[in-house]
PDB file of all heavy atoms in Angstrom:
ATOM      1  N   THR A   1     -32.807   4.369  -3.589  1.00  0.00           N
ATOM      2  CA  THR A   1     -33.329   3.524  -2.518  1.00  0.00           C
ATOM      3  C   THR A   1     -32.316   2.448  -2.221  1.00  0.00           C
ATOM      4  O   THR A   1     -31.722   1.869  -3.140  1.00  0.00           O
ATOM      5  CB  THR A   1     -34.670   2.878  -2.925  1.00  0.00           C
ATOM      6  OG1 THR A   1     -35.622   3.905  -3.189  1.00  0.00           O
ATOM      7  CG2 THR A   1     -35.195   1.972  -1.827  1.00  0.00           C
ATOM      8  N   ILE A   2     -32.111   2.176  -0.949  1.00  0.00           N
ATOM      9  CA  ILE A   2     -31.138   1.165  -0.570  1.00  0.00           C
ATOM     10  C   ILE A   2     -31.697   0.340   0.571  1.00  0.00           C
ATOM     11  O   ILE A   2     -32.367   0.870   1.467  1.00  0.00           O
ATOM     12  CB  ILE A   2     -29.786   1.802  -0.186  1.00  0.00           C
ATOM     13  CG1 ILE A   2     -28.750   0.731   0.123  1.00  0.00           C
ATOM     14  CG2 ILE A   2     -29.935   2.769   0.989  1.00  0.00           C
ATOM     15  CD1 ILE A   2     -27.332   1.268   0.155  1.00  0.00           C
ATOM     16  N   SER A   3     -31.465  -0.967   0.524  1.00  0.00           N
ATOM     17  CA  SER A   3     -31.907  -1.834   1.606  1.00  0.00           C
ATOM     18  C   SER A   3     -30.753  -2.723   2.039  1.00  0.00           C
ATOM     19  O   SER A   3     -29.882  -3.072   1.234  1.00  0.00           O
ATOM     20  CB  SER A   3     -33.102  -2.692   1.167  1.00  0.00           C
ATOM     21  OG  SER A   3     -32.748  -3.520   0.066  1.00  0.00           O
ATOM     22  N   PHE A   4     -30.731  -3.067   3.317  1.00  0.00           N
ATOM     23  CA  PHE A   4     -29.690  -3.916   3.877  1.00  0.00           C
ATOM     24  C   PHE A   4     -30.334  -5.053   4.650  1.00  0.00           C
ATOM     25  O   PHE A   4     -31.359  -4.867   5.304  1.00  0.00           O
ATOM     26  CB  PHE A   4     -28.810  -3.146   4.877  1.00  0.00           C
ATOM     27  CG  PHE A   4     -28.236  -1.870   4.354  1.00  0.00           C
ATOM     28  CD1 PHE A   4     -28.875  -0.661   4.583  1.00  0.00           C
ATOM     29  CD2 PHE A   4     -27.038  -1.866   3.659  1.00  0.00           C
ATOM     30  CE1 PHE A   4     -28.346   0.526   4.125  1.00  0.00           C
ATOM     31  CE2 PHE A   4     -26.508  -0.688   3.191  1.00  0.00           C
ATOM     32  CZ  PHE A   4     -27.155   0.511   3.423  1.00  0.00           C
ATOM     33  N   ASN A   5     -29.703  -6.200   4.589  1.00  0.00           N
ATOM     34  CA  ASN A   5     -30.066  -7.307   5.464  1.00  0.00           C
ATOM     35  C   ASN A   5     -28.773  -7.754   6.119  1.00  0.00           C
ATOM     36  O   ASN A   5     -27.872  -8.275   5.449  1.00  0.00           O
ATOM     37  CB  ASN A   5     -30.712  -8.443   4.671  1.00  0.00           C
ATOM     38  CG  ASN A   5     -31.247  -9.529   5.585  1.00  0.00           C
ATOM     39  OD1 ASN A   5     -31.585  -9.264   6.735  1.00  0.00           O
ATOM     40  ND2 ASN A   5     -31.314 -10.748   5.085  1.00  0.00           N
ATOM     41  N   LEU A   6     -28.641  -7.539   7.405  1.00  0.00           N
ATOM     42  CA  LEU A   6     -27.369  -7.702   8.083  1.00  0.00           C
ATOM     43  C   LEU A   6     -27.316  -9.014   8.849  1.00  0.00           C
ATOM     44  O   LEU A   6     -28.330  -9.530   9.311  1.00  0.00           O
ATOM     45  CB  LEU A   6     -27.147  -6.542   9.057  1.00  0.00           C
ATOM     46  CG  LEU A   6     -27.390  -5.148   8.491  1.00  0.00           C
ATOM     47  CD1 LEU A   6     -27.181  -4.101   9.569  1.00  0.00           C
ATOM     48  CD2 LEU A   6     -26.465  -4.897   7.315  1.00  0.00           C
ATOM     49  N   ASP A   7     -26.096  -9.543   8.997  1.00  0.00           N
ATOM     50  CA  ASP A   7     -25.892 -10.653   9.912  1.00  0.00           C
ATOM     51  C   ASP A   7     -24.652 -10.362  10.746  1.00  0.00           C
ATOM     52  O   ASP A   7     -24.048  -9.297  10.626  1.00  0.00           O
ATOM     53  CB  ASP A   7     -25.795 -11.997   9.174  1.00  0.00           C
ATOM     54  CG  ASP A   7     -24.595 -12.088   8.235  1.00  0.00           C
ATOM     55  OD1 ASP A   7     -23.547 -11.473   8.539  1.00  0.00           O
ATOM     56  OD2 ASP A   7     -24.690 -12.782   7.223  1.00  0.00           O
ATOM     57  N   ASP A   8     -24.271 -11.279  11.596  1.00  0.00           N
ATOM     58  CA  ASP A   8     -23.173 -11.011  12.524  1.00  0.00           C
ATOM     59  C   ASP A   8     -21.897 -11.755  12.151  1.00  0.00           C
ATOM     60  O   ASP A   8     -21.046 -12.007  12.987  1.00  0.00           O
ATOM     61  CB  ASP A   8     -23.575 -11.373  13.963  1.00  0.00           C
ATOM     62  CG  ASP A   8     -23.990 -12.834  14.099  1.00  0.00           C
ATOM     63  OD1 ASP A   8     -23.932 -13.554  13.088  1.00  0.00           O
ATOM     64  OD2 ASP A   8     -24.363 -13.227  15.220  1.00  0.00           O
ATOM     65  N   THR A   9     -21.738 -12.112  10.867  1.00  0.00           N
ATOM     66  CA  THR A   9     -20.548 -12.851  10.443  1.00  0.00           C
ATOM     67  C   THR A   9     -19.759 -12.060   9.412  1.00  0.00           C
ATOM     68  O   THR A   9     -19.246 -12.619   8.450  1.00  0.00           O
ATOM     69  CB  THR A   9     -20.938 -14.215   9.840  1.00  0.00           C
ATOM     70  OG1 THR A   9     -21.769 -13.983   8.685  1.00  0.00           O
ATOM     71  CG2 THR A   9     -21.692 -15.067  10.837  1.00  0.00           C
ATOM     72  N   LEU A  10     -19.652 -10.754   9.626  1.00  0.00           N
ATOM     73  CA  LEU A  10     -19.001  -9.879   8.663  1.00  0.00           C
ATOM     74  C   LEU A  10     -19.648 -10.061   7.300  1.00  0.00           C
ATOM     75  O   LEU A  10     -19.003 -10.239   6.283  1.00  0.00           O
ATOM     76  CB  LEU A  10     -17.489 -10.161   8.568  1.00  0.00           C
ATOM     77  CG  LEU A  10     -16.650  -9.115   7.816  1.00  0.00           C
ATOM     78  CD1 LEU A  10     -16.743  -7.764   8.498  1.00  0.00           C
ATOM     79  CD2 LEU A  10     -15.208  -9.546   7.701  1.00  0.00           C
ATOM     80  N   GLY A  11     -20.963 -10.035   7.301  1.00  0.00           N
ATOM     81  CA  GLY A  11     -21.653 -10.268   6.050  1.00  0.00           C
ATOM     82  C   GLY A  11     -23.044  -9.693   6.045  1.00  0.00           C
ATOM     83  O   GLY A  11     -23.459  -8.960   6.932  1.00  0.00           O
ATOM     84  N   GLY A  12     -23.787 -10.060   5.003  1.00  0.00           N
ATOM     85  CA  GLY A  12     -25.131  -9.551   4.817  1.00  0.00           C
ATOM     86  C   GLY A  12     -25.370  -9.331   3.343  1.00  0.00           C
ATOM     87  O   GLY A  12     -24.649  -9.848   2.485  1.00  0.00           O
ATOM     88  N   SER A  13     -26.395  -8.565   3.021  1.00  0.00           N
ATOM     89  CA  SER A  13     -26.693  -8.272   1.628  1.00  0.00           C
ATOM     90  C   SER A  13     -27.240  -6.860   1.530  1.00  0.00           C
ATOM     91  O   SER A  13     -27.736  -6.295   2.502  1.00  0.00           O
ATOM     92  CB  SER A  13     -27.710  -9.268   1.069  1.00  0.00           C
ATOM     93  OG  SER A  13     -28.932  -9.197   1.790  1.00  0.00           O
ATOM     94  N   SER A  14     -27.138  -6.294   0.340  1.00  0.00           N
ATOM     95  CA  SER A  14     -27.676  -4.966   0.102  1.00  0.00           C
ATOM     96  C   SER A  14     -28.223  -4.885  -1.312  1.00  0.00           C
ATOM     97  O   SER A  14     -27.828  -5.653  -2.195  1.00  0.00           O
ATOM     98  CB  SER A  14     -26.599  -3.887   0.307  1.00  0.00           C
ATOM     99  OG  SER A  14     -25.565  -4.022  -0.654  1.00  0.00           O
ATOM    100  N   HIS A  15     -29.147  -3.958  -1.506  1.00  0.00           N
ATOM    101  CA  HIS A  15     -29.752  -3.752  -2.828  1.00  0.00           C
ATOM    102  C   HIS A  15     -29.951  -2.261  -3.007  1.00  0.00           C
ATOM    103  O   HIS A  15     -30.560  -1.600  -2.169  1.00  0.00           O
ATOM    104  CB  HIS A  15     -31.083  -4.488  -2.913  1.00  0.00           C
ATOM    105  CG  HIS A  15     -31.693  -4.463  -4.279  1.00  0.00           C
ATOM    106  ND1 HIS A  15     -33.038  -4.648  -4.514  1.00  0.00           N
ATOM    107  CD2 HIS A  15     -31.143  -4.272  -5.510  1.00  0.00           C
ATOM    108  CE1 HIS A  15     -33.286  -4.583  -5.806  1.00  0.00           C
ATOM    109  NE2 HIS A  15     -32.154  -4.345  -6.429  1.00  0.00           N
ATOM    110  N   ILE A  16     -29.423  -1.719  -4.094  1.00  0.00           N
ATOM    111  CA  ILE A  16     -29.522  -0.298  -4.379  1.00  0.00           C
ATOM    112  C   ILE A  16     -30.186  -0.111  -5.734  1.00  0.00           C
ATOM    113  O   ILE A  16     -29.814  -0.764  -6.709  1.00  0.00           O
ATOM    114  CB  ILE A  16     -28.136   0.368  -4.408  1.00  0.00           C
ATOM    115  CG1 ILE A  16     -27.416   0.177  -3.074  1.00  0.00           C
ATOM    116  CG2 ILE A  16     -28.253   1.852  -4.736  1.00  0.00           C
ATOM    117  CD1 ILE A  16     -25.985   0.649  -3.104  1.00  0.00           C
ATOM    118  N   THR A  17     -31.159   0.782  -5.809  1.00  0.00           N
ATOM    119  CA  THR A  17     -31.765   1.141  -7.085  1.00  0.00           C
ATOM    120  C   THR A  17     -31.831   2.661  -7.194  1.00  0.00           C
ATOM    121  O   THR A  17     -31.958   3.366  -6.191  1.00  0.00           O
ATOM    122  CB  THR A  17     -33.190   0.559  -7.212  1.00  0.00           C
ATOM    123  OG1 THR A  17     -34.008   1.043  -6.148  1.00  0.00           O
ATOM    124  CG2 THR A  17     -33.169  -0.962  -7.191  1.00  0.00           C
ATOM    125  N   ALA A  18     -31.734   3.152  -8.407  1.00  0.00           N
ATOM    126  CA  ALA A  18     -31.835   4.590  -8.658  1.00  0.00           C
ATOM    127  C   ALA A  18     -32.237   4.810 -10.099  1.00  0.00           C
ATOM    128  O   ALA A  18     -31.721   4.147 -11.005  1.00  0.00           O
ATOM    129  CB  ALA A  18     -30.505   5.285  -8.367  1.00  0.00           C
ATOM    130  N   SER A  19     -33.160   5.724 -10.314  1.00  0.00           N
ATOM    131  CA  SER A  19     -33.541   6.055 -11.688  1.00  0.00           C
ATOM    132  C   SER A  19     -32.543   7.017 -12.308  1.00  0.00           C
ATOM    133  O   SER A  19     -32.262   6.954 -13.505  1.00  0.00           O
ATOM    134  CB  SER A  19     -34.942   6.660 -11.728  1.00  0.00           C
ATOM    135  OG  SER A  19     -34.998   7.829 -10.929  1.00  0.00           O
ATOM    136  N   SER A  20     -31.984   7.912 -11.492  1.00  0.00           N
ATOM    137  CA  SER A  20     -31.008   8.862 -12.027  1.00  0.00           C
ATOM    138  C   SER A  20     -30.156   9.423 -10.901  1.00  0.00           C
ATOM    139  O   SER A  20     -30.677   9.856  -9.870  1.00  0.00           O
ATOM    140  CB  SER A  20     -31.712  10.011 -12.752  1.00  0.00           C
ATOM    141  OG  SER A  20     -30.773  10.927 -13.282  1.00  0.00           O
ATOM    142  N   LEU A  21     -28.855   9.402 -11.100  1.00  0.00           N
ATOM    143  CA  LEU A  21     -27.896  10.005 -10.184  1.00  0.00           C
ATOM    144  C   LEU A  21     -26.881  10.767 -11.020  1.00  0.00           C
ATOM    145  O   LEU A  21     -26.463  10.310 -12.078  1.00  0.00           O
ATOM    146  CB  LEU A  21     -27.172   8.943  -9.355  1.00  0.00           C
ATOM    147  CG  LEU A  21     -27.951   8.281  -8.229  1.00  0.00           C
ATOM    148  CD1 LEU A  21     -27.194   7.052  -7.736  1.00  0.00           C
ATOM    149  CD2 LEU A  21     -28.168   9.256  -7.082  1.00  0.00           C
ATOM    150  N   SER A  22     -26.472  11.924 -10.531  1.00  0.00           N
ATOM    151  CA  SER A  22     -25.544  12.753 -11.280  1.00  0.00           C
ATOM    152  C   SER A  22     -24.372  13.150 -10.395  1.00  0.00           C
ATOM    153  O   SER A  22     -24.555  13.501  -9.223  1.00  0.00           O
ATOM    154  CB  SER A  22     -26.261  14.011 -11.786  1.00  0.00           C
ATOM    155  OG  SER A  22     -25.352  14.887 -12.434  1.00  0.00           O
ATOM    156  N   VAL A  23     -23.176  13.087 -10.960  1.00  0.00           N
ATOM    157  CA  VAL A  23     -21.970  13.516 -10.261  1.00  0.00           C
ATOM    158  C   VAL A  23     -21.160  14.389 -11.211  1.00  0.00           C
ATOM    159  O   VAL A  23     -20.798  13.964 -12.309  1.00  0.00           O
ATOM    160  CB  VAL A  23     -21.106  12.315  -9.820  1.00  0.00           C
ATOM    161  CG1 VAL A  23     -19.859  12.809  -9.091  1.00  0.00           C
ATOM    162  CG2 VAL A  23     -21.901  11.386  -8.919  1.00  0.00           C
ATOM    163  N   ALA A  24     -20.897  15.618 -10.804  1.00  0.00           N
ATOM    164  CA  ALA A  24     -20.050  16.527 -11.581  1.00  0.00           C
ATOM    165  C   ALA A  24     -18.719  16.672 -10.858  1.00  0.00           C
ATOM    166  O   ALA A  24     -18.676  16.889  -9.647  1.00  0.00           O
ATOM    167  CB  ALA A  24     -20.718  17.883 -11.733  1.00  0.00           C
ATOM    168  N   ILE A  25     -17.621  16.539 -11.592  1.00  0.00           N
ATOM    169  CA  ILE A  25     -16.280  16.541 -11.016  1.00  0.00           C
ATOM    170  C   ILE A  25     -15.458  17.638 -11.680  1.00  0.00           C
ATOM    171  O   ILE A  25     -15.396  17.723 -12.912  1.00  0.00           O
ATOM    172  CB  ILE A  25     -15.573  15.196 -11.262  1.00  0.00           C
ATOM    173  CG1 ILE A  25     -16.449  14.025 -10.791  1.00  0.00           C
ATOM    174  CG2 ILE A  25     -14.203  15.163 -10.591  1.00  0.00           C
ATOM    175  CD1 ILE A  25     -16.097  12.728 -11.469  1.00  0.00           C
ATOM    176  N   THR A  26     -14.835  18.461 -10.868  1.00  0.00           N
ATOM    177  CA  THR A  26     -13.889  19.444 -11.374  1.00  0.00           C
ATOM    178  C   THR A  26     -12.621  19.327 -10.544  1.00  0.00           C
ATOM    179  O   THR A  26     -12.661  19.461  -9.324  1.00  0.00           O
ATOM    180  CB  THR A  26     -14.435  20.879 -11.258  1.00  0.00           C
ATOM    181  OG1 THR A  26     -15.696  20.956 -11.926  1.00  0.00           O
ATOM    182  CG2 THR A  26     -13.471  21.875 -11.882  1.00  0.00           C
ATOM    183  N   SER A  27     -11.491  19.046 -11.197  1.00  0.00           N
ATOM    184  CA  SER A  27     -10.233  18.891 -10.479  1.00  0.00           C
ATOM    185  C   SER A  27      -9.093  19.271 -11.409  1.00  0.00           C
ATOM    186  O   SER A  27      -9.278  19.405 -12.622  1.00  0.00           O
ATOM    187  CB  SER A  27     -10.050  17.447 -10.009  1.00  0.00           C
ATOM    188  OG  SER A  27      -9.683  16.605 -11.092  1.00  0.00           O
ATOM    189  N   PRO A  28      -7.886  19.434 -10.857  1.00  0.00           N
ATOM    190  CA  PRO A  28      -6.741  19.721 -11.731  1.00  0.00           C
ATOM    191  C   PRO A  28      -6.501  18.625 -12.762  1.00  0.00           C
ATOM    192  O   PRO A  28      -5.980  18.880 -13.845  1.00  0.00           O
ATOM    193  CB  PRO A  28      -5.576  19.810 -10.737  1.00  0.00           C
ATOM    194  CG  PRO A  28      -6.206  20.213  -9.451  1.00  0.00           C
ATOM    195  CD  PRO A  28      -7.526  19.509  -9.431  1.00  0.00           C
TER     196      PRO A  28
END
């Protein structure tokens, strides 16, 4: 879940929550 509160001065705030996220990476 993500929320944003924006303003017009190159700014604002955000809040991110997650119970579980997974990233699998395969590379040389």
